[in-house]
Amino acid sequence: MKHNFEFTNNMKTLFIIFCALLVINITFAQDLNTIITDPNTGKEILYGYCDRQGLTSEPFNEWFEPEYESYRVDADKLSEINLNVLFNTSITIVLGTWCSDSQREVPRFYRILDYLGFHEENLKLICVDRTKDAAGTEVPELSIDFVPTFIIYIEDQEMGRIIESPAESPEADLVKILGN
C-alpha cells in the first residue's frame, strides 16, 4: 500500500509541475505573424513578431518572393566576411510590410543571409505599423525612426545598423559592420 501512495503523490507532483509549466508557456508565448488592417489603407499588414513564414504567406508573398528570387548576391563582397563571426551574430530587423523600402530590402537581406548559411534562430523580425510601433515588443527601446532597420549584434553588443537602404550595398554594408 505504501508504494501505491507514494506513486500517487509523485503523479500529483508531476501533474502540478506540468500544469505550472503549461501556464507559464501560454503566458509568455509571443504571438507570431499577427495580421491587422492598416487603418489608413484598409490593407492587411503584419504586426509584432513575425518570421519568414509570415512574409512568404499571402498577401505578403506577392512582393517578398519576386524580390527574393530576382536578387543576385554579391558573392565576391561577401567572401570578405569571416564566417566564424556569424556564430556569435544575431540580427533584429524592424520593418513595415506596408513600406516599399522594406518590401525591397528585406527579401534581399534574406537572400544574403541564406547565402551565408545564417541560422534563422539568430534572426528576430518585428513588423511595425505606420507609427513605427508594435505593442508588446522592444521597438521603443530600439529607437526606430525609419524602416527597415537592420540591427546587427555580435555577442549581444550592437555593432551597427543598416537603416532604410544600404549606404553602398547590403553586402558591402554588412562587411563593414561585421569586419573581416
N, C-alpha and C. Protein backbone atom coordinates (compact mmCIF):
# COMPACT_ATOMS: atom_id res chain seq x y z
N MET A 1 0.81 -1.19 0.00
CA MET A 1 0.00 0.00 0.00
C MET A 1 0.86 1.26 0.00
N LYS A 2 1.94 1.24 0.74
CA LYS A 2 2.78 2.41 0.85
C LYS A 2 3.33 2.83 -0.52
N HIS A 3 3.73 1.87 -1.30
CA HIS A 3 4.28 2.17 -2.63
C HIS A 3 3.23 2.81 -3.51
N ASN A 4 2.01 2.33 -3.43
CA ASN A 4 0.92 2.88 -4.23
C ASN A 4 0.66 4.34 -3.84
N PHE A 5 0.73 4.65 -2.54
CA PHE A 5 0.51 6.01 -2.06
C PHE A 5 1.61 6.93 -2.56
N GLU A 6 2.87 6.48 -2.50
CA GLU A 6 4.00 7.29 -2.97
C GLU A 6 3.89 7.54 -4.47
N PHE A 7 3.48 6.54 -5.19
CA PHE A 7 3.32 6.70 -6.64
C PHE A 7 2.25 7.76 -6.93
N THR A 8 1.17 7.73 -6.20
CA THR A 8 0.09 8.69 -6.39
C THR A 8 0.57 10.10 -6.07
N ASN A 9 1.32 10.27 -4.99
CA ASN A 9 1.85 11.59 -4.64
C ASN A 9 2.83 12.08 -5.70
N ASN A 10 3.67 11.17 -6.21
CA ASN A 10 4.60 11.54 -7.28
C ASN A 10 3.85 11.96 -8.54
N MET A 11 2.79 11.25 -8.85
CA MET A 11 1.98 11.61 -10.03
C MET A 11 1.33 12.97 -9.84
N LYS A 12 0.84 13.23 -8.64
CA LYS A 12 0.23 14.54 -8.36
C LYS A 12 1.25 15.65 -8.52
N THR A 13 2.44 15.41 -7.99
CA THR A 13 3.51 16.41 -8.09
C THR A 13 3.87 16.66 -9.55
N LEU A 14 4.03 15.60 -10.32
CA LEU A 14 4.34 15.76 -11.74
C LEU A 14 3.23 16.49 -12.48
N PHE A 15 1.99 16.18 -12.14
CA PHE A 15 0.85 16.84 -12.77
C PHE A 15 0.85 18.33 -12.45
N ILE A 16 1.12 18.69 -11.22
CA ILE A 16 1.17 20.10 -10.81
C ILE A 16 2.30 20.82 -11.54
N ILE A 17 3.47 20.19 -11.62
CA ILE A 17 4.60 20.80 -12.33
C ILE A 17 4.26 20.98 -13.81
N PHE A 18 3.66 19.97 -14.41
CA PHE A 18 3.27 20.06 -15.82
C PHE A 18 2.30 21.21 -16.03
N CYS A 19 1.29 21.33 -15.18
CA CYS A 19 0.30 22.41 -15.32
C CYS A 19 0.94 23.77 -15.15
N ALA A 20 1.86 23.89 -14.19
CA ALA A 20 2.55 25.16 -13.97
C ALA A 20 3.37 25.55 -15.19
N LEU A 21 4.09 24.59 -15.76
CA LEU A 21 4.89 24.87 -16.96
C LEU A 21 4.00 25.24 -18.14
N LEU A 22 2.87 24.60 -18.26
CA LEU A 22 1.93 24.92 -19.34
C LEU A 22 1.41 26.34 -19.20
N VAL A 23 1.05 26.74 -18.00
CA VAL A 23 0.56 28.10 -17.76
C VAL A 23 1.65 29.12 -18.07
N ILE A 24 2.88 28.85 -17.63
CA ILE A 24 3.99 29.75 -17.91
C ILE A 24 4.22 29.87 -19.41
N ASN A 25 4.19 28.76 -20.11
CA ASN A 25 4.40 28.76 -21.56
C ASN A 25 3.33 29.57 -22.27
N ILE A 26 2.09 29.38 -21.90
CA ILE A 26 0.99 30.11 -22.53
C ILE A 26 1.08 31.59 -22.21
N THR A 27 1.43 31.92 -20.96
CA THR A 27 1.50 33.31 -20.53
C THR A 27 2.58 34.07 -21.28
N PHE A 28 3.73 33.45 -21.48
CA PHE A 28 4.84 34.15 -22.08
C PHE A 28 5.01 33.88 -23.58
N ALA A 29 4.14 33.14 -24.16
CA ALA A 29 4.23 32.86 -25.59
C ALA A 29 3.99 34.15 -26.37
N GLN A 30 4.81 34.37 -27.38
CA GLN A 30 4.67 35.55 -28.21
C GLN A 30 3.80 35.20 -29.41
N ASP A 31 2.86 36.10 -29.69
CA ASP A 31 2.09 35.92 -30.91
C ASP A 31 3.02 36.11 -32.09
N LEU A 32 2.84 35.30 -33.11
CA LEU A 32 3.72 35.34 -34.27
C LEU A 32 2.86 35.51 -35.51
N ASN A 33 3.32 36.38 -36.40
CA ASN A 33 2.66 36.60 -37.70
C ASN A 33 1.22 37.09 -37.55
N THR A 34 1.04 38.04 -36.64
CA THR A 34 -0.28 38.65 -36.45
C THR A 34 -0.57 39.60 -37.61
N ILE A 35 -1.73 39.47 -38.18
CA ILE A 35 -2.14 40.34 -39.28
C ILE A 35 -3.22 41.28 -38.76
N ILE A 36 -3.00 42.59 -39.03
CA ILE A 36 -4.00 43.59 -38.69
C ILE A 36 -4.32 44.38 -39.96
N THR A 37 -5.36 45.18 -39.90
CA THR A 37 -5.72 46.03 -41.03
C THR A 37 -5.17 47.43 -40.79
N ASP A 38 -4.45 47.93 -41.78
CA ASP A 38 -3.92 49.30 -41.72
C ASP A 38 -5.10 50.26 -41.79
N PRO A 39 -5.31 51.09 -40.76
CA PRO A 39 -6.47 51.98 -40.76
C PRO A 39 -6.42 53.03 -41.87
N ASN A 40 -5.23 53.35 -42.38
CA ASN A 40 -5.10 54.35 -43.44
C ASN A 40 -5.46 53.81 -44.82
N THR A 41 -5.12 52.54 -45.05
CA THR A 41 -5.30 51.98 -46.40
C THR A 41 -6.34 50.87 -46.46
N GLY A 42 -6.66 50.29 -45.32
CA GLY A 42 -7.57 49.15 -45.31
C GLY A 42 -6.91 47.85 -45.74
N LYS A 43 -5.58 47.88 -45.96
CA LYS A 43 -4.85 46.68 -46.37
C LYS A 43 -4.29 45.95 -45.16
N GLU A 44 -4.08 44.64 -45.33
CA GLU A 44 -3.51 43.83 -44.27
C GLU A 44 -2.01 44.10 -44.13
N ILE A 45 -1.55 44.17 -42.87
CA ILE A 45 -0.12 44.29 -42.59
C ILE A 45 0.22 43.32 -41.47
N LEU A 46 1.47 42.88 -41.46
CA LEU A 46 1.97 42.08 -40.34
C LEU A 46 2.29 43.04 -39.20
N TYR A 47 2.05 42.58 -37.96
CA TYR A 47 2.24 43.45 -36.80
C TYR A 47 2.82 42.63 -35.65
N GLY A 48 3.90 43.13 -35.08
CA GLY A 48 4.55 42.44 -33.98
C GLY A 48 5.61 41.48 -34.50
N TYR A 49 5.88 40.45 -33.71
CA TYR A 49 6.90 39.48 -34.10
C TYR A 49 6.42 38.65 -35.29
N CYS A 50 7.33 38.43 -36.22
CA CYS A 50 6.99 37.59 -37.37
C CYS A 50 8.21 36.78 -37.76
N ASP A 51 8.04 35.94 -38.77
CA ASP A 51 9.13 35.13 -39.28
C ASP A 51 8.97 34.99 -40.79
N ARG A 52 9.86 34.21 -41.38
CA ARG A 52 9.82 34.03 -42.83
C ARG A 52 8.46 33.51 -43.29
N GLN A 53 7.87 32.62 -42.51
CA GLN A 53 6.57 32.06 -42.89
C GLN A 53 5.53 33.17 -43.05
N GLY A 54 5.56 34.16 -42.17
CA GLY A 54 4.63 35.28 -42.29
C GLY A 54 4.88 36.08 -43.56
N LEU A 55 6.15 36.32 -43.87
CA LEU A 55 6.50 37.11 -45.05
C LEU A 55 6.22 36.38 -46.35
N THR A 56 6.23 35.05 -46.30
CA THR A 56 6.00 34.29 -47.53
C THR A 56 4.56 33.80 -47.65
N SER A 57 3.70 34.24 -46.75
CA SER A 57 2.28 33.90 -46.85
C SER A 57 1.55 35.04 -47.57
N GLU A 58 0.35 34.72 -48.06
CA GLU A 58 -0.43 35.76 -48.75
C GLU A 58 -0.87 36.82 -47.76
N PRO A 59 -0.93 38.06 -48.11
CA PRO A 59 -0.62 38.67 -49.41
C PRO A 59 0.83 39.13 -49.53
N PHE A 60 1.64 38.90 -48.49
CA PHE A 60 2.99 39.44 -48.44
C PHE A 60 3.94 38.75 -49.41
N ASN A 61 3.62 37.51 -49.78
CA ASN A 61 4.47 36.79 -50.73
C ASN A 61 4.44 37.45 -52.11
N GLU A 62 3.44 38.28 -52.37
CA GLU A 62 3.35 38.95 -53.68
C GLU A 62 4.53 39.87 -53.92
N TRP A 63 5.12 40.42 -52.89
CA TRP A 63 6.31 41.25 -53.05
C TRP A 63 7.57 40.54 -52.54
N PHE A 64 7.44 39.67 -51.54
CA PHE A 64 8.62 39.02 -50.97
C PHE A 64 9.28 38.06 -51.97
N GLU A 65 8.51 37.15 -52.50
CA GLU A 65 9.08 36.09 -53.34
C GLU A 65 9.73 36.62 -54.63
N PRO A 66 9.09 37.53 -55.39
CA PRO A 66 9.76 38.02 -56.60
C PRO A 66 11.07 38.75 -56.31
N GLU A 67 11.09 39.54 -55.23
CA GLU A 67 12.31 40.28 -54.89
C GLU A 67 13.40 39.32 -54.42
N TYR A 68 13.03 38.33 -53.63
CA TYR A 68 13.99 37.33 -53.16
C TYR A 68 14.58 36.56 -54.34
N GLU A 69 13.73 36.10 -55.23
CA GLU A 69 14.18 35.27 -56.36
C GLU A 69 15.03 36.05 -57.35
N SER A 70 14.74 37.32 -57.55
CA SER A 70 15.46 38.09 -58.57
C SER A 70 16.78 38.69 -58.07
N TYR A 71 16.96 38.74 -56.77
CA TYR A 71 18.17 39.38 -56.24
C TYR A 71 19.39 38.50 -56.42
N ARG A 72 20.45 39.09 -56.93
CA ARG A 72 21.71 38.37 -57.14
C ARG A 72 22.72 38.83 -56.09
N VAL A 73 23.13 37.91 -55.27
CA VAL A 73 24.05 38.18 -54.18
C VAL A 73 25.44 38.49 -54.73
N ASP A 74 26.12 39.47 -54.14
CA ASP A 74 27.49 39.80 -54.49
C ASP A 74 28.41 38.88 -53.68
N ALA A 75 28.66 37.71 -54.25
CA ALA A 75 29.44 36.68 -53.55
C ALA A 75 30.87 37.15 -53.29
N ASP A 76 31.44 37.92 -54.22
CA ASP A 76 32.81 38.41 -54.02
C ASP A 76 32.90 39.29 -52.78
N LYS A 77 31.93 40.17 -52.62
CA LYS A 77 31.93 41.06 -51.46
C LYS A 77 31.72 40.26 -50.18
N LEU A 78 30.80 39.30 -50.20
CA LEU A 78 30.52 38.50 -49.00
C LEU A 78 31.69 37.61 -48.61
N SER A 79 32.57 37.29 -49.57
CA SER A 79 33.74 36.46 -49.24
C SER A 79 34.69 37.17 -48.28
N GLU A 80 34.50 38.48 -48.11
CA GLU A 80 35.33 39.25 -47.17
C GLU A 80 34.90 39.04 -45.72
N ILE A 81 33.74 38.43 -45.49
CA ILE A 81 33.26 38.20 -44.13
C ILE A 81 33.89 36.94 -43.57
N ASN A 82 34.42 37.04 -42.36
CA ASN A 82 34.91 35.87 -41.65
C ASN A 82 33.68 35.13 -41.14
N LEU A 83 33.39 33.98 -41.73
CA LEU A 83 32.16 33.25 -41.40
C LEU A 83 32.10 32.80 -39.95
N ASN A 84 33.25 32.71 -39.27
CA ASN A 84 33.24 32.35 -37.85
C ASN A 84 32.52 33.41 -37.01
N VAL A 85 32.53 34.65 -37.47
CA VAL A 85 31.86 35.74 -36.76
C VAL A 85 30.35 35.49 -36.72
N LEU A 86 29.82 34.84 -37.75
CA LEU A 86 28.37 34.62 -37.83
C LEU A 86 27.84 33.76 -36.69
N PHE A 87 28.70 32.92 -36.10
CA PHE A 87 28.25 32.06 -35.00
C PHE A 87 27.85 32.88 -33.77
N ASN A 88 28.44 34.06 -33.63
CA ASN A 88 28.15 34.93 -32.48
C ASN A 88 27.30 36.13 -32.88
N THR A 89 26.74 36.09 -34.07
CA THR A 89 25.98 37.22 -34.59
C THR A 89 24.49 36.97 -34.48
N SER A 90 23.77 38.00 -34.07
CA SER A 90 22.31 37.98 -34.12
C SER A 90 21.86 39.26 -34.80
N ILE A 91 20.69 39.19 -35.40
CA ILE A 91 20.18 40.33 -36.18
C ILE A 91 18.72 40.55 -35.82
N THR A 92 18.38 41.81 -35.61
CA THR A 92 16.99 42.21 -35.44
C THR A 92 16.63 43.08 -36.63
N ILE A 93 15.54 42.73 -37.29
CA ILE A 93 15.04 43.54 -38.40
C ILE A 93 13.70 44.12 -37.98
N VAL A 94 13.60 45.44 -38.05
CA VAL A 94 12.34 46.12 -37.81
C VAL A 94 11.86 46.62 -39.17
N LEU A 95 10.67 46.19 -39.56
CA LEU A 95 10.18 46.51 -40.89
C LEU A 95 8.70 46.84 -40.87
N GLY A 96 8.26 47.40 -41.96
CA GLY A 96 6.83 47.62 -42.17
C GLY A 96 6.44 46.94 -43.46
N THR A 97 5.51 46.01 -43.40
CA THR A 97 5.11 45.31 -44.63
C THR A 97 4.37 46.25 -45.57
N TRP A 98 4.01 47.43 -45.11
CA TRP A 98 3.35 48.47 -45.90
C TRP A 98 4.37 49.36 -46.61
N CYS A 99 5.64 49.23 -46.27
CA CYS A 99 6.71 50.15 -46.70
C CYS A 99 7.45 49.59 -47.92
N SER A 100 7.57 50.41 -48.96
CA SER A 100 8.23 49.95 -50.19
C SER A 100 9.71 49.64 -49.96
N ASP A 101 10.38 50.39 -49.08
CA ASP A 101 11.79 50.09 -48.77
C ASP A 101 11.91 48.72 -48.10
N SER A 102 11.01 48.42 -47.18
CA SER A 102 11.01 47.10 -46.53
C SER A 102 10.72 46.01 -47.54
N GLN A 103 9.79 46.26 -48.43
CA GLN A 103 9.42 45.27 -49.44
C GLN A 103 10.57 44.97 -50.39
N ARG A 104 11.46 45.94 -50.58
CA ARG A 104 12.63 45.74 -51.43
C ARG A 104 13.80 45.13 -50.65
N GLU A 105 14.12 45.72 -49.51
CA GLU A 105 15.36 45.37 -48.81
C GLU A 105 15.29 44.08 -47.98
N VAL A 106 14.15 43.79 -47.37
CA VAL A 106 14.07 42.60 -46.51
C VAL A 106 14.24 41.31 -47.30
N PRO A 107 13.56 41.13 -48.44
CA PRO A 107 13.81 39.89 -49.22
C PRO A 107 15.26 39.78 -49.68
N ARG A 108 15.87 40.89 -50.05
CA ARG A 108 17.28 40.88 -50.47
C ARG A 108 18.17 40.44 -49.31
N PHE A 109 17.89 40.97 -48.13
CA PHE A 109 18.68 40.62 -46.96
C PHE A 109 18.52 39.14 -46.62
N TYR A 110 17.31 38.64 -46.74
CA TYR A 110 17.09 37.20 -46.54
C TYR A 110 17.91 36.39 -47.53
N ARG A 111 17.97 36.84 -48.76
CA ARG A 111 18.75 36.13 -49.78
C ARG A 111 20.22 36.06 -49.38
N ILE A 112 20.72 37.19 -48.87
CA ILE A 112 22.11 37.25 -48.41
C ILE A 112 22.33 36.31 -47.22
N LEU A 113 21.42 36.36 -46.25
CA LEU A 113 21.56 35.50 -45.07
C LEU A 113 21.51 34.03 -45.45
N ASP A 114 20.64 33.69 -46.39
CA ASP A 114 20.57 32.30 -46.87
C ASP A 114 21.88 31.90 -47.54
N TYR A 115 22.44 32.79 -48.33
CA TYR A 115 23.72 32.52 -49.00
C TYR A 115 24.81 32.25 -47.97
N LEU A 116 24.80 33.03 -46.88
CA LEU A 116 25.82 32.89 -45.84
C LEU A 116 25.57 31.69 -44.93
N GLY A 117 24.40 31.09 -45.03
CA GLY A 117 24.06 29.99 -44.13
C GLY A 117 23.74 30.46 -42.72
N PHE A 118 23.27 31.69 -42.61
CA PHE A 118 22.93 32.28 -41.30
C PHE A 118 21.75 31.53 -40.70
N HIS A 119 21.84 31.21 -39.42
CA HIS A 119 20.79 30.45 -38.74
C HIS A 119 19.64 31.38 -38.33
N GLU A 120 18.44 31.04 -38.79
CA GLU A 120 17.28 31.90 -38.53
C GLU A 120 16.91 32.02 -37.06
N GLU A 121 17.36 31.10 -36.22
CA GLU A 121 17.07 31.27 -34.79
C GLU A 121 17.81 32.47 -34.21
N ASN A 122 18.79 33.00 -34.95
CA ASN A 122 19.51 34.20 -34.53
C ASN A 122 18.97 35.46 -35.21
N LEU A 123 17.80 35.34 -35.81
CA LEU A 123 17.18 36.45 -36.52
C LEU A 123 15.83 36.76 -35.88
N LYS A 124 15.63 38.02 -35.54
CA LYS A 124 14.35 38.46 -34.97
C LYS A 124 13.74 39.49 -35.91
N LEU A 125 12.49 39.26 -36.29
CA LEU A 125 11.77 40.22 -37.13
C LEU A 125 10.63 40.83 -36.33
N ILE A 126 10.53 42.15 -36.42
CA ILE A 126 9.44 42.86 -35.77
C ILE A 126 8.79 43.76 -36.81
N CYS A 127 7.51 43.54 -37.04
CA CYS A 127 6.76 44.34 -38.00
C CYS A 127 6.02 45.45 -37.27
N VAL A 128 6.16 46.66 -37.77
CA VAL A 128 5.55 47.83 -37.14
C VAL A 128 4.45 48.41 -38.01
N ASP A 129 3.62 49.22 -37.38
CA ASP A 129 2.60 49.95 -38.14
C ASP A 129 3.23 51.25 -38.65
N ARG A 130 2.43 52.11 -39.24
CA ARG A 130 2.96 53.35 -39.83
C ARG A 130 3.50 54.33 -38.79
N THR A 131 3.14 54.14 -37.52
CA THR A 131 3.68 55.00 -36.46
C THR A 131 4.99 54.43 -35.92
N LYS A 132 5.50 53.37 -36.53
CA LYS A 132 6.72 52.66 -36.12
C LYS A 132 6.55 52.05 -34.73
N ASP A 133 5.38 51.51 -34.49
CA ASP A 133 5.07 50.89 -33.20
C ASP A 133 4.65 49.44 -33.41
N ALA A 134 4.93 48.63 -32.42
CA ALA A 134 4.45 47.24 -32.37
C ALA A 134 4.32 46.90 -30.89
N ALA A 135 3.12 47.05 -30.38
CA ALA A 135 2.86 46.83 -28.95
C ALA A 135 3.35 45.45 -28.52
N GLY A 136 3.92 45.40 -27.33
CA GLY A 136 4.39 44.13 -26.79
C GLY A 136 5.75 43.70 -27.30
N THR A 137 6.45 44.59 -27.99
CA THR A 137 7.79 44.29 -28.49
C THR A 137 8.78 45.29 -27.89
N GLU A 138 10.05 45.11 -28.19
CA GLU A 138 11.07 46.03 -27.69
C GLU A 138 11.33 47.21 -28.62
N VAL A 139 10.45 47.47 -29.57
CA VAL A 139 10.65 48.56 -30.53
C VAL A 139 10.92 49.90 -29.85
N PRO A 140 10.20 50.29 -28.79
CA PRO A 140 10.51 51.59 -28.17
C PRO A 140 11.97 51.72 -27.71
N GLU A 141 12.56 50.65 -27.22
CA GLU A 141 13.94 50.69 -26.75
C GLU A 141 14.94 50.72 -27.90
N LEU A 142 14.52 50.39 -29.10
CA LEU A 142 15.43 50.30 -30.24
C LEU A 142 15.60 51.63 -30.98
N SER A 143 14.81 52.63 -30.64
CA SER A 143 14.91 53.96 -31.27
C SER A 143 14.81 53.86 -32.80
N ILE A 144 13.68 53.40 -33.27
CA ILE A 144 13.45 53.21 -34.70
C ILE A 144 12.77 54.45 -35.27
N ASP A 145 13.41 55.08 -36.25
CA ASP A 145 12.82 56.23 -36.94
C ASP A 145 12.41 55.88 -38.36
N PHE A 146 13.15 54.94 -38.97
CA PHE A 146 12.90 54.57 -40.36
C PHE A 146 12.90 53.05 -40.49
N VAL A 147 12.12 52.57 -41.44
CA VAL A 147 12.10 51.13 -41.72
C VAL A 147 12.44 50.90 -43.19
N PRO A 148 13.07 49.77 -43.46
CA PRO A 148 13.52 48.79 -42.49
C PRO A 148 14.78 49.24 -41.77
N THR A 149 14.97 48.74 -40.57
CA THR A 149 16.21 48.92 -39.82
C THR A 149 16.75 47.54 -39.48
N PHE A 150 17.96 47.28 -39.92
CA PHE A 150 18.65 46.01 -39.67
C PHE A 150 19.68 46.29 -38.57
N ILE A 151 19.53 45.67 -37.42
CA ILE A 151 20.44 45.88 -36.30
C ILE A 151 21.27 44.62 -36.13
N ILE A 152 22.60 44.79 -36.26
CA ILE A 152 23.50 43.64 -36.21
C ILE A 152 24.22 43.64 -34.86
N TYR A 153 24.16 42.50 -34.18
CA TYR A 153 24.80 42.32 -32.88
C TYR A 153 25.84 41.21 -32.98
N ILE A 154 26.95 41.42 -32.29
CA ILE A 154 27.92 40.35 -32.09
C ILE A 154 28.04 40.16 -30.58
N GLU A 155 27.78 38.93 -30.14
CA GLU A 155 27.78 38.61 -28.71
C GLU A 155 26.93 39.62 -27.93
N ASP A 156 25.74 39.88 -28.44
CA ASP A 156 24.73 40.74 -27.81
C ASP A 156 25.13 42.22 -27.72
N GLN A 157 26.19 42.62 -28.40
CA GLN A 157 26.57 44.03 -28.44
C GLN A 157 26.25 44.56 -29.84
N GLU A 158 25.51 45.67 -29.88
CA GLU A 158 25.17 46.24 -31.19
C GLU A 158 26.43 46.72 -31.89
N MET A 159 26.60 46.24 -33.13
CA MET A 159 27.78 46.60 -33.92
C MET A 159 27.47 47.64 -34.98
N GLY A 160 26.22 47.68 -35.42
CA GLY A 160 25.86 48.65 -36.45
C GLY A 160 24.46 48.42 -36.96
N ARG A 161 24.04 49.38 -37.78
CA ARG A 161 22.69 49.33 -38.36
C ARG A 161 22.74 49.67 -39.84
N ILE A 162 21.83 49.06 -40.55
CA ILE A 162 21.53 49.47 -41.92
C ILE A 162 20.12 50.02 -41.84
N ILE A 163 19.98 51.31 -42.14
CA ILE A 163 18.71 51.99 -41.94
C ILE A 163 18.12 52.40 -43.29
N GLU A 164 16.92 51.96 -43.54
CA GLU A 164 16.10 52.26 -44.71
C GLU A 164 16.67 51.64 -45.98
N SER A 165 17.83 52.10 -46.44
CA SER A 165 18.50 51.47 -47.58
C SER A 165 20.00 51.49 -47.31
N PRO A 166 20.71 50.55 -47.89
CA PRO A 166 22.15 50.47 -47.65
C PRO A 166 22.88 51.72 -48.15
N ALA A 167 23.97 52.06 -47.49
CA ALA A 167 24.80 53.19 -47.93
C ALA A 167 25.46 52.85 -49.27
N GLU A 168 25.97 51.62 -49.38
CA GLU A 168 26.62 51.17 -50.61
C GLU A 168 25.82 50.03 -51.25
N SER A 169 25.81 48.90 -50.60
CA SER A 169 25.00 47.73 -50.99
C SER A 169 24.77 46.95 -49.71
N PRO A 170 23.76 46.07 -49.68
CA PRO A 170 23.57 45.29 -48.45
C PRO A 170 24.82 44.49 -48.08
N GLU A 171 25.46 43.92 -49.08
CA GLU A 171 26.66 43.11 -48.83
C GLU A 171 27.80 43.98 -48.29
N ALA A 172 28.07 45.12 -48.95
CA ALA A 172 29.16 45.99 -48.52
C ALA A 172 28.92 46.55 -47.13
N ASP A 173 27.69 46.95 -46.85
CA ASP A 173 27.37 47.47 -45.51
C ASP A 173 27.54 46.39 -44.45
N LEU A 174 27.13 45.17 -44.77
CA LEU A 174 27.27 44.06 -43.83
C LEU A 174 28.75 43.75 -43.57
N VAL A 175 29.57 43.80 -44.61
CA VAL A 175 31.01 43.58 -44.46
C VAL A 175 31.60 44.64 -43.55
N LYS A 176 31.20 45.90 -43.73
CA LYS A 176 31.73 46.98 -42.89
C LYS A 176 31.34 46.78 -41.43
N ILE A 177 30.11 46.35 -41.19
CA ILE A 177 29.64 46.16 -39.81
C ILE A 177 30.30 44.95 -39.16
N LEU A 178 30.38 43.85 -39.88
CA LEU A 178 30.92 42.61 -39.30
C LEU A 178 32.44 42.56 -39.32
N GLY A 179 33.06 43.42 -40.10
CA GLY A 179 34.51 43.37 -40.23
C GLY A 179 34.90 42.18 -41.07
N ASN A 180 36.18 41.96 -41.19
CA ASN A 180 36.64 40.80 -41.98
C ASN A 180 37.78 40.11 -41.31
